[in-house]
Amino acid sequence: MYEELYSAWKREKESAEIQALPRDFFAILAQYVKRLREESRMLDEKTVRAKLLLRESKNVKRLVKDLIQLRYDKVVRRVSAGEALSKEGLTEEEERLYRDLVPSIESYQALLKDVIGGRFPFSEAKQKPKRMVLRFLREIPAIIGVDMKTYGPFRAEDVATLPVENARILVKQGVAVEVEAGV
């Protein structure tokens, strides 16, 4: 597994684009790290084998941290620039994080647009509704709203009231539709 990790790290380091990884790459990697830790506990610390395992564990942790940071930076850069990101090369965990990241970045971009446009973001003076009722079209994980409260997770056909800023992003992504209140 060490060779696969090193190869993935090296490809990621040398490329400006996010490199494809197997969907279960991080799950397999976590098992590998766990096995290293358990194996090293069983050995006498003074043996050559124990010292080699300790060195390998330190190298693995360093490579994992750097690999994840490199990939995260590339995803954030692409999303911030409004560029599409193919989910095919992402692991299962990264795809989940990507889904959570997009609404947050879009909220920051909306804030920037409001300030540059001379509008008062989050101003109490606005007479617009502060919350919107949505019906979810598909399952999504919990999100953090602009009011810093947690909403969800939601399943298909769930109905919920969310802050307008978050609701508009979810509607724009095709995850939910606005429910019109009947009088």
Protein backbone atom coordinates (compact mmCIF):
# COMPACT_ATOMS: atom_id res chain seq x y z
CA MET A 1 0.00 0.00 0.00
CA TYR A 2 2.92 2.33 0.68
CA GLU A 3 3.86 2.32 -3.02
CA GLU A 4 0.28 3.20 -4.05
CA LEU A 5 0.19 6.07 -1.54
CA TYR A 6 3.57 7.41 -2.66
CA SER A 7 2.55 7.14 -6.32
CA ALA A 8 -0.75 8.98 -5.68
CA TRP A 9 1.06 11.71 -3.71
CA LYS A 10 3.70 12.13 -6.42
CA ARG A 11 1.09 12.37 -9.23
CA GLU A 12 -0.88 14.92 -7.20
CA LYS A 13 2.24 16.97 -6.43
CA GLU A 14 3.31 17.08 -10.09
CA SER A 15 -0.06 18.00 -11.62
CA ALA A 16 -2.19 21.12 -11.48
CA GLU A 17 -5.32 18.98 -11.99
CA ILE A 18 -6.79 16.67 -9.39
CA GLN A 19 -5.69 13.12 -10.12
CA ALA A 20 -8.09 10.19 -10.15
CA LEU A 21 -8.08 7.88 -7.16
CA PRO A 22 -10.09 4.71 -6.59
CA ARG A 23 -13.40 5.44 -4.81
CA ASP A 24 -12.29 3.43 -1.75
CA PHE A 25 -8.69 4.72 -1.66
CA PHE A 26 -8.95 6.44 1.74
CA ALA A 27 -10.84 3.52 3.32
CA ILE A 28 -8.09 1.11 2.24
CA LEU A 29 -5.46 3.60 3.39
CA ALA A 30 -7.10 3.87 6.83
CA GLN A 31 -7.01 0.08 7.16
CA TYR A 32 -3.32 0.14 6.23
CA VAL A 33 -2.53 2.79 8.88
CA LYS A 34 -4.49 0.83 11.47
CA ARG A 35 -2.58 -2.36 10.60
CA LEU A 36 0.75 -0.52 10.92
CA ARG A 37 -0.24 0.82 14.34
CA GLU A 38 -1.43 -2.56 15.60
CA GLU A 39 1.64 -4.36 14.25
CA SER A 40 4.02 -1.89 15.88
CA ARG A 41 2.30 -2.29 19.27
CA MET A 42 3.10 -5.99 19.24
CA LEU A 43 6.84 -5.49 18.79
CA ASP A 44 9.65 -4.65 21.16
CA GLU A 45 10.50 -0.98 20.49
CA LYS A 46 14.21 -1.75 20.34
CA THR A 47 14.01 -4.18 17.43
CA VAL A 48 14.91 -3.17 13.90
CA ARG A 49 11.43 -4.22 12.71
CA ALA A 50 9.77 -1.88 15.25
CA LYS A 51 12.00 1.02 14.22
CA LEU A 52 11.23 0.40 10.54
CA LEU A 53 7.49 0.29 11.24
CA LEU A 54 7.73 3.54 13.21
CA ARG A 55 9.56 5.22 10.32
CA GLU A 56 7.02 3.87 7.83
CA SER A 57 4.12 5.11 9.99
CA LYS A 58 5.60 8.61 10.19
CA ASN A 59 6.15 8.71 6.42
CA VAL A 60 2.64 7.46 5.73
CA LYS A 61 1.07 10.09 7.99
CA ARG A 62 3.09 12.85 6.34
CA LEU A 63 2.16 11.67 2.84
CA VAL A 64 -1.53 11.29 3.74
CA LYS A 65 -1.71 14.80 5.22
CA ASP A 66 0.02 16.32 2.21
CA LEU A 67 -2.05 14.33 -0.31
CA ILE A 68 -5.35 15.30 1.29
CA GLN A 69 -4.30 18.96 1.56
CA LEU A 70 -3.16 19.07 -2.08
CA ARG A 71 -6.45 17.58 -3.27
CA TYR A 72 -8.52 19.85 -1.02
CA ASP A 73 -6.71 22.95 -2.30
CA LYS A 74 -7.34 21.91 -5.91
CA VAL A 75 -11.05 21.32 -5.27
CA VAL A 76 -11.48 24.65 -3.47
CA ARG A 77 -9.60 26.49 -6.23
CA ARG A 78 -11.82 24.98 -8.95
CA VAL A 79 -15.07 25.59 -7.08
CA SER A 80 -14.06 29.15 -6.16
CA ALA A 81 -13.30 29.88 -9.81
CA GLY A 82 -16.74 28.55 -10.77
CA GLU A 83 -15.20 25.73 -12.79
CA ALA A 84 -16.85 22.34 -13.11
CA LEU A 85 -15.21 19.47 -11.29
CA SER A 86 -15.58 15.91 -12.47
CA LYS A 87 -16.56 13.70 -9.56
CA GLU A 88 -15.20 10.61 -11.31
CA GLY A 89 -11.69 10.98 -9.88
CA LEU A 90 -12.86 11.77 -6.36
CA THR A 91 -13.08 9.26 -3.54
CA GLU A 92 -16.41 8.68 -1.78
CA GLU A 93 -15.34 10.90 1.11
CA GLU A 94 -14.17 13.72 -1.17
CA GLU A 95 -17.42 13.65 -3.13
CA ARG A 96 -19.38 14.12 0.10
CA LEU A 97 -17.11 17.00 1.16
CA TYR A 98 -17.44 18.56 -2.32
CA ARG A 99 -21.25 18.54 -2.03
CA ASP A 100 -21.00 20.33 1.32
CA LEU A 101 -18.34 22.78 0.12
CA VAL A 102 -20.15 24.12 -2.98
CA PRO A 103 -23.03 25.88 -1.13
CA SER A 104 -20.61 27.47 1.31
CA ILE A 105 -18.38 28.90 -1.43
CA GLU A 106 -21.42 30.10 -3.38
CA SER A 107 -22.61 31.95 -0.25
CA TYR A 108 -19.24 33.70 0.06
CA GLN A 109 -19.34 34.63 -3.62
CA ALA A 110 -22.85 36.05 -3.15
CA LEU A 111 -21.54 38.10 -0.21
CA LEU A 112 -18.71 39.45 -2.34
CA LYS A 113 -21.13 40.30 -5.15
CA ASP A 114 -23.45 42.13 -2.74
CA VAL A 115 -20.67 44.19 -1.19
CA ILE A 116 -19.11 45.08 -4.55
CA GLY A 117 -22.59 45.92 -5.89
CA GLY A 118 -23.18 48.33 -3.01
CA ARG A 119 -25.91 46.18 -1.44
CA PHE A 120 -25.99 45.55 2.26
CA PRO A 121 -25.54 41.85 2.84
CA PHE A 122 -27.48 40.29 5.69
CA SER A 123 -28.94 43.72 6.48
CA GLU A 124 -32.04 43.89 8.67
CA ALA A 125 -33.27 46.69 6.40
CA LYS A 126 -34.08 44.21 3.63
CA GLN A 127 -37.78 43.37 3.44
CA LYS A 128 -37.15 40.07 1.68
CA PRO A 129 -38.24 36.88 3.45
CA LYS A 130 -35.53 35.38 5.61
CA ARG A 131 -36.60 31.76 5.25
CA MET A 132 -37.89 29.57 2.44
CA VAL A 133 -39.83 26.31 2.46
CA LEU A 134 -38.27 23.59 0.30
CA ARG A 135 -39.17 20.08 -0.84
CA PHE A 136 -36.09 17.95 -1.39
CA LEU A 137 -35.79 15.98 -4.62
CA ARG A 138 -32.98 13.75 -3.45
CA GLU A 139 -31.04 12.81 -0.35
CA ILE A 140 -28.41 15.27 0.92
CA PRO A 141 -26.24 15.35 4.04
CA ALA A 142 -26.67 17.91 6.80
CA ILE A 143 -25.59 21.47 5.94
CA ILE A 144 -24.59 24.49 7.99
CA GLY A 145 -26.86 27.44 7.22
CA VAL A 146 -25.80 31.07 6.93
CA ASP A 147 -27.19 31.44 10.44
CA MET A 148 -24.62 28.82 11.57
CA LYS A 149 -27.37 26.29 12.47
CA THR A 150 -27.32 22.70 11.22
CA TYR A 151 -30.09 21.63 8.83
CA GLY A 152 -30.74 18.05 7.77
CA PRO A 153 -29.76 15.54 6.66
CA PHE A 154 -32.67 15.38 4.21
CA ARG A 155 -34.22 12.54 2.24
CA ALA A 156 -36.15 12.79 -1.02
CA GLU A 157 -39.61 14.34 -0.45
CA ASP A 158 -38.66 15.89 2.93
CA VAL A 159 -40.01 19.41 3.47
CA ALA A 160 -38.03 21.93 5.51
CA THR A 161 -37.64 25.65 6.13
CA LEU A 162 -34.15 27.02 5.55
CA PRO A 163 -32.51 30.45 5.32
CA VAL A 164 -33.20 31.97 1.89
CA GLU A 165 -29.50 32.13 0.95
CA ASN A 166 -29.05 28.40 1.51
CA ALA A 167 -32.41 27.52 -0.02
CA ARG A 168 -31.64 29.37 -3.27
CA ILE A 169 -28.34 27.52 -3.63
CA LEU A 170 -30.04 24.15 -3.14
CA VAL A 171 -32.72 25.04 -5.69
CA LYS A 172 -30.06 26.23 -8.15
CA GLN A 173 -28.24 22.90 -7.74
CA GLY A 174 -31.45 21.00 -8.48
CA VAL A 175 -31.47 19.34 -5.06
CA ALA A 176 -34.76 20.92 -3.94
CA VAL A 177 -37.71 22.99 -5.14
CA GLU A 178 -39.42 25.90 -3.44
CA VAL A 179 -42.83 25.14 -1.95
CA GLU A 180 -45.31 27.91 -2.68
CA ALA A 181 -47.38 28.76 0.39
CA GLY A 182 -51.10 28.66 -0.42
CA VAL A 183 -53.38 31.30 1.08
